[in-house]
C-alpha atoms as a PDB file:
ATOM      1  CA  MET A   1     201.385  48.264 164.053  1.00  0.00           C
ATOM      2  CA  LYS A   2     202.823  45.717 161.612  1.00  0.00           C
ATOM      3  CA  GLN A   3     201.819  47.898 158.650  1.00  0.00           C
ATOM      4  CA  GLU A   4     203.767  50.779 160.152  1.00  0.00           C
ATOM      5  CA  ASN A   5     206.885  48.574 160.316  1.00  0.00           C
ATOM      6  CA  ASP A   6     206.379  47.567 156.669  1.00  0.00           C
ATOM      7  CA  LEU A   7     206.487  51.230 155.636  1.00  0.00           C
ATOM      8  CA  ASN A   8     209.777  51.725 157.459  1.00  0.00           C
ATOM      9  CA  ASN A   9     211.367  48.734 155.748  1.00  0.00           C
ATOM     10  CA  PRO A  10     213.111  50.079 152.575  1.00  0.00           C
ATOM     11  CA  SER A  11     212.522  46.924 150.511  1.00  0.00           C
ATOM     12  CA  ARG A  12     208.842  46.909 151.432  1.00  0.00           C
ATOM     13  CA  ARG A  13     208.583  50.615 150.621  1.00  0.00           C
ATOM     14  CA  GLY A  14     210.054  49.927 147.171  1.00  0.00           C
ATOM     15  CA  PHE A  15     207.359  47.348 146.561  1.00  0.00           C
ATOM     16  CA  LEU A  16     204.616  49.746 147.611  1.00  0.00           C
ATOM     17  CA  THR A  17     205.804  52.461 145.221  1.00  0.00           C
ATOM     18  CA  GLY A  18     205.651  50.072 142.272  1.00  0.00           C
ATOM     19  CA  ARG A  19     209.270  49.324 141.447  1.00  0.00           C
ATOM     20  CA  LEU A  20     209.744  45.909 139.917  1.00  0.00           C
ATOM     21  CA  ARG A  21     212.859  43.787 139.942  1.00  0.00           C
ATOM     22  CA  PHE A  22     213.433  40.895 137.620  1.00  0.00           C
ATOM     23  CA  SER A  23     215.431  37.825 138.411  1.00  0.00           C
ATOM     24  CA  SER A  24     218.673  37.520 136.477  1.00  0.00           C
ATOM     25  CA  SER A  25     218.346  33.726 136.525  1.00  0.00           C
ATOM     26  CA  ARG A  26     216.222  33.556 133.345  1.00  0.00           C
ATOM     27  CA  ASN A  27     216.779  30.652 130.986  1.00  0.00           C
ATOM     28  CA  LYS A  28     218.113  31.430 127.521  1.00  0.00           C
ATOM     29  CA  SER A  29     214.909  29.946 126.095  1.00  0.00           C
ATOM     30  CA  ASP A  30     212.963  32.675 127.934  1.00  0.00           C
ATOM     31  CA  VAL A  31     214.717  35.457 126.009  1.00  0.00           C
ATOM     32  CA  LEU A  32     212.246  37.688 124.164  1.00  0.00           C
ATOM     33  CA  GLN A  33     212.026  37.089 120.433  1.00  0.00           C
ATOM     34  CA  LEU A  34     211.993  39.865 117.835  1.00  0.00           C
ATOM     35  CA  SER A  35     211.160  38.989 114.237  1.00  0.00           C
ATOM     36  CA  ILE A  36     209.780  40.982 111.301  1.00  0.00           C
ATOM     37  CA  GLU A  37     209.077  40.287 107.654  1.00  0.00           C
ATOM     38  CA  LEU A  38     208.966  42.664 104.690  1.00  0.00           C
ATOM     39  CA  LEU A  39     206.320  41.379 102.268  1.00  0.00           C
ATOM     40  CA  ASN A  40     204.621  42.338  98.990  1.00  0.00           C
ATOM     41  CA  CYS A  41     207.091  45.010  97.918  1.00  0.00           C
ATOM     42  CA  SER A  42     206.227  46.520  94.559  1.00  0.00           C
ATOM     43  CA  ARG A  43     206.761  49.610  92.484  1.00  0.00           C
ATOM     44  CA  ILE A  44     204.167  50.551  89.918  1.00  0.00           C
ATOM     45  CA  SER A  45     204.687  53.300  87.348  1.00  0.00           C
ATOM     46  CA  GLU A  46     201.653  55.478  86.793  1.00  0.00           C
ATOM     47  CA  THR A  47     200.799  55.878  83.119  1.00  0.00           C
ATOM     48  CA  ASP A  48     199.485  59.460  83.271  1.00  0.00           C
ATOM     49  CA  SER A  49     202.446  60.972  85.169  1.00  0.00           C
ATOM     50  CA  THR A  50     206.101  60.460  86.042  1.00  0.00           C
ATOM     51  CA  ASP A  51     205.172  59.221  89.525  1.00  0.00           C
ATOM     52  CA  THR A  52     205.882  55.707  90.774  1.00  0.00           C
ATOM     53  CA  ALA A  53     203.873  54.121  93.588  1.00  0.00           C
ATOM     54  CA  ILE A  54     205.916  52.140  96.124  1.00  0.00           C
ATOM     55  CA  LYS A  55     203.911  49.608  98.166  1.00  0.00           C
ATOM     56  CA  TYR A  56     204.978  47.285 100.977  1.00  0.00           C
ATOM     57  CA  THR A  57     203.698  45.215 103.903  1.00  0.00           C
ATOM     58  CA  VAL A  58     205.463  44.761 107.248  1.00  0.00           C
ATOM     59  CA  LEU A  59     204.585  41.803 109.505  1.00  0.00           C
ATOM     60  CA  ASN A  60     205.681  41.555 113.128  1.00  0.00           C
ATOM     61  CA  SER A  61     206.120  37.782 113.389  1.00  0.00           C
ATOM     62  CA  GLY A  62     207.801  37.996 116.802  1.00  0.00           C
ATOM     63  CA  ILE A  63     206.279  37.628 120.240  1.00  0.00           C
ATOM     64  CA  GLU A  64     206.766  41.237 121.432  1.00  0.00           C
ATOM     65  CA  ARG A  65     205.476  44.644 120.363  1.00  0.00           C
ATOM     66  CA  ALA A  66     208.147  46.303 118.230  1.00  0.00           C
ATOM     67  CA  SER A  67     209.008  49.797 117.037  1.00  0.00           C
ATOM     68  CA  ILE A  68     209.665  49.666 113.306  1.00  0.00           C
ATOM     69  CA  ILE A  69     211.395  52.261 111.144  1.00  0.00           C
ATOM     70  CA  VAL A  70     210.681  52.118 107.400  1.00  0.00           C
ATOM     71  CA  LYS A  71     213.424  53.653 105.232  1.00  0.00           C
ATOM     72  CA  ARG A  72     213.947  54.149 101.536  1.00  0.00           C
ATOM     73  CA  ARG A  73     217.309  54.120  99.812  1.00  0.00           C
ATOM     74  CA  ARG A  74     217.474  55.996  96.530  1.00  0.00           C
ATOM     75  CA  ARG A  75     220.860  56.468  94.924  1.00  0.00           C
ATOM     76  CA  LYS A  76     223.154  57.105  97.900  1.00  0.00           C
ATOM     77  CA  MET A  77     220.549  58.792 100.093  1.00  0.00           C
ATOM     78  CA  THR A  78     218.643  57.088 102.919  1.00  0.00           C
ATOM     79  CA  GLN A  79     215.447  58.642 104.250  1.00  0.00           C
ATOM     80  CA  VAL A  80     213.114  57.551 107.052  1.00  0.00           C
ATOM     81  CA  MET A  81     209.601  57.274 105.650  1.00  0.00           C
ATOM     82  CA  LYS A  82     207.593  55.914 108.575  1.00  0.00           C
ATOM     83  CA  LEU A  83     207.799  54.949 112.250  1.00  0.00           C
ATOM     84  CA  ILE A  84     205.232  52.365 113.336  1.00  0.00           C
ATOM     85  CA  HIS A  85     204.589  50.221 116.390  1.00  0.00           C
ATOM     86  CA  LEU A  86     203.265  46.722 115.709  1.00  0.00           C
ATOM     87  CA  ASP A  87     201.915  44.154 118.132  1.00  0.00           C
ATOM     88  CA  PRO A  88     202.789  40.469 117.616  1.00  0.00           C
ATOM     89  CA  LYS A  89     201.251  39.010 114.426  1.00  0.00           C
ATOM     90  CA  GLU A  90     200.108  42.483 113.329  1.00  0.00           C
ATOM     91  CA  THR A  91     200.686  43.787 109.790  1.00  0.00           C
ATOM     92  CA  TYR A  92     200.976  47.245 108.292  1.00  0.00           C
ATOM     93  CA  ASP A  93     200.350  48.052 104.617  1.00  0.00           C
ATOM     94  CA  GLY A  94     202.132  51.189 103.499  1.00  0.00           C
ATOM     95  CA  SER A  95     202.799  53.142 100.353  1.00  0.00           C
ATOM     96  CA  TRP A  96     204.244  56.371  99.047  1.00  0.00           C
ATOM     97  CA  LYS A  97     204.876  58.001  95.671  1.00  0.00           C
ATOM     98  CA  GLU A  98     208.218  58.793  94.118  1.00  0.00           C
ATOM     99  CA  HIS A  99     208.616  61.480  91.468  1.00  0.00           C
ATOM    100  CA  ASP A 100     210.902  60.829  88.473  1.00  0.00           C
ATOM    101  CA  LEU A 101     212.050  57.383  89.616  1.00  0.00           C
ATOM    102  CA  ASP A 102     214.142  55.847  86.849  1.00  0.00           C
ATOM    103  CA  SER A 103     213.793  52.062  86.590  1.00  0.00           C
ATOM    104  CA  ARG A 104     217.569  51.775  86.113  1.00  0.00           C
ATOM    105  CA  GLU A 105     218.608  53.487  89.347  1.00  0.00           C
ATOM    106  CA  SER A 106     219.175  51.558  92.559  1.00  0.00           C
ATOM    107  CA  TYR A 107     216.252  51.669  94.965  1.00  0.00           C
ATOM    108  CA  ALA A 108     215.497  49.735  98.156  1.00  0.00           C
ATOM    109  CA  ILE A 109     213.122  49.560 101.111  1.00  0.00           C
ATOM    110  CA  GLU A 110     214.637  48.764 104.495  1.00  0.00           C
ATOM    111  CA  VAL A 111     212.785  48.061 107.748  1.00  0.00           C
ATOM    112  CA  GLU A 112     214.491  48.110 111.117  1.00  0.00           C
ATOM    113  CA  ALA A 113     212.704  46.712 114.171  1.00  0.00           C
ATOM    114  CA  ARG A 114     213.683  47.488 117.738  1.00  0.00           C
ATOM    115  CA  TYR A 115     212.658  46.086 121.087  1.00  0.00           C
ATOM    116  CA  LYS A 116     214.679  47.023 124.161  1.00  0.00           C
ATOM    117  CA  ARG A 117     218.289  46.324 123.098  1.00  0.00           C
ATOM    118  CA  GLU A 118     217.481  44.021 120.187  1.00  0.00           C
ATOM    119  CA  THR A 119     217.562  45.328 116.604  1.00  0.00           C
ATOM    120  CA  ILE A 120     216.976  43.477 113.340  1.00  0.00           C
ATOM    121  CA  THR A 121     216.886  44.719 109.748  1.00  0.00           C
ATOM    122  CA  ARG A 122     215.202  43.428 106.601  1.00  0.00           C
ATOM    123  CA  GLU A 123     215.680  44.835 103.113  1.00  0.00           C
ATOM    124  CA  HIS A 124     214.086  44.589  99.680  1.00  0.00           C
ATOM    125  CA  VAL A 125     216.172  45.791  96.728  1.00  0.00           C
ATOM    126  CA  PHE A 126     214.202  46.469  93.567  1.00  0.00           C
ATOM    127  CA  SER A 127     215.571  45.056  90.344  1.00  0.00           C
ATOM    128  CA  GLN A 128     217.139  47.809  88.249  1.00  0.00           C
ATOM    129  CA  SER A 129     215.558  46.532  85.046  1.00  0.00           C
ATOM    130  CA  ALA A 130     212.006  46.346  86.454  1.00  0.00           C
ATOM    131  CA  ALA A 131     209.659  49.261  86.005  1.00  0.00           C
END
């Protein structure tokens, strides 16, 4: 009989259907941390063609799984190159090829990590004199 009463109680019914409620009395030290690093960025010109290989490594150094958008900025255009999901302490090694990339033009890799409402951005700008 008691179980029947539990099913009629709206708060108990919410628990049985799997809805979770979190306390709003969390300490500021308990706030989830989001942190990423953009490592080992390089551009290497191929000798037999006009292609340039762009290589990079992304490290999720935070304590939560993050969605990460990898973008390239060439001249005034920004393009999304990759969307990845990294667990804490996980790395991703990526690369792509650019055609006719002049060593004097501005070029950058930008990574943007998101977790819930938090967003952080890291950027690597290649030197315009490097090839």
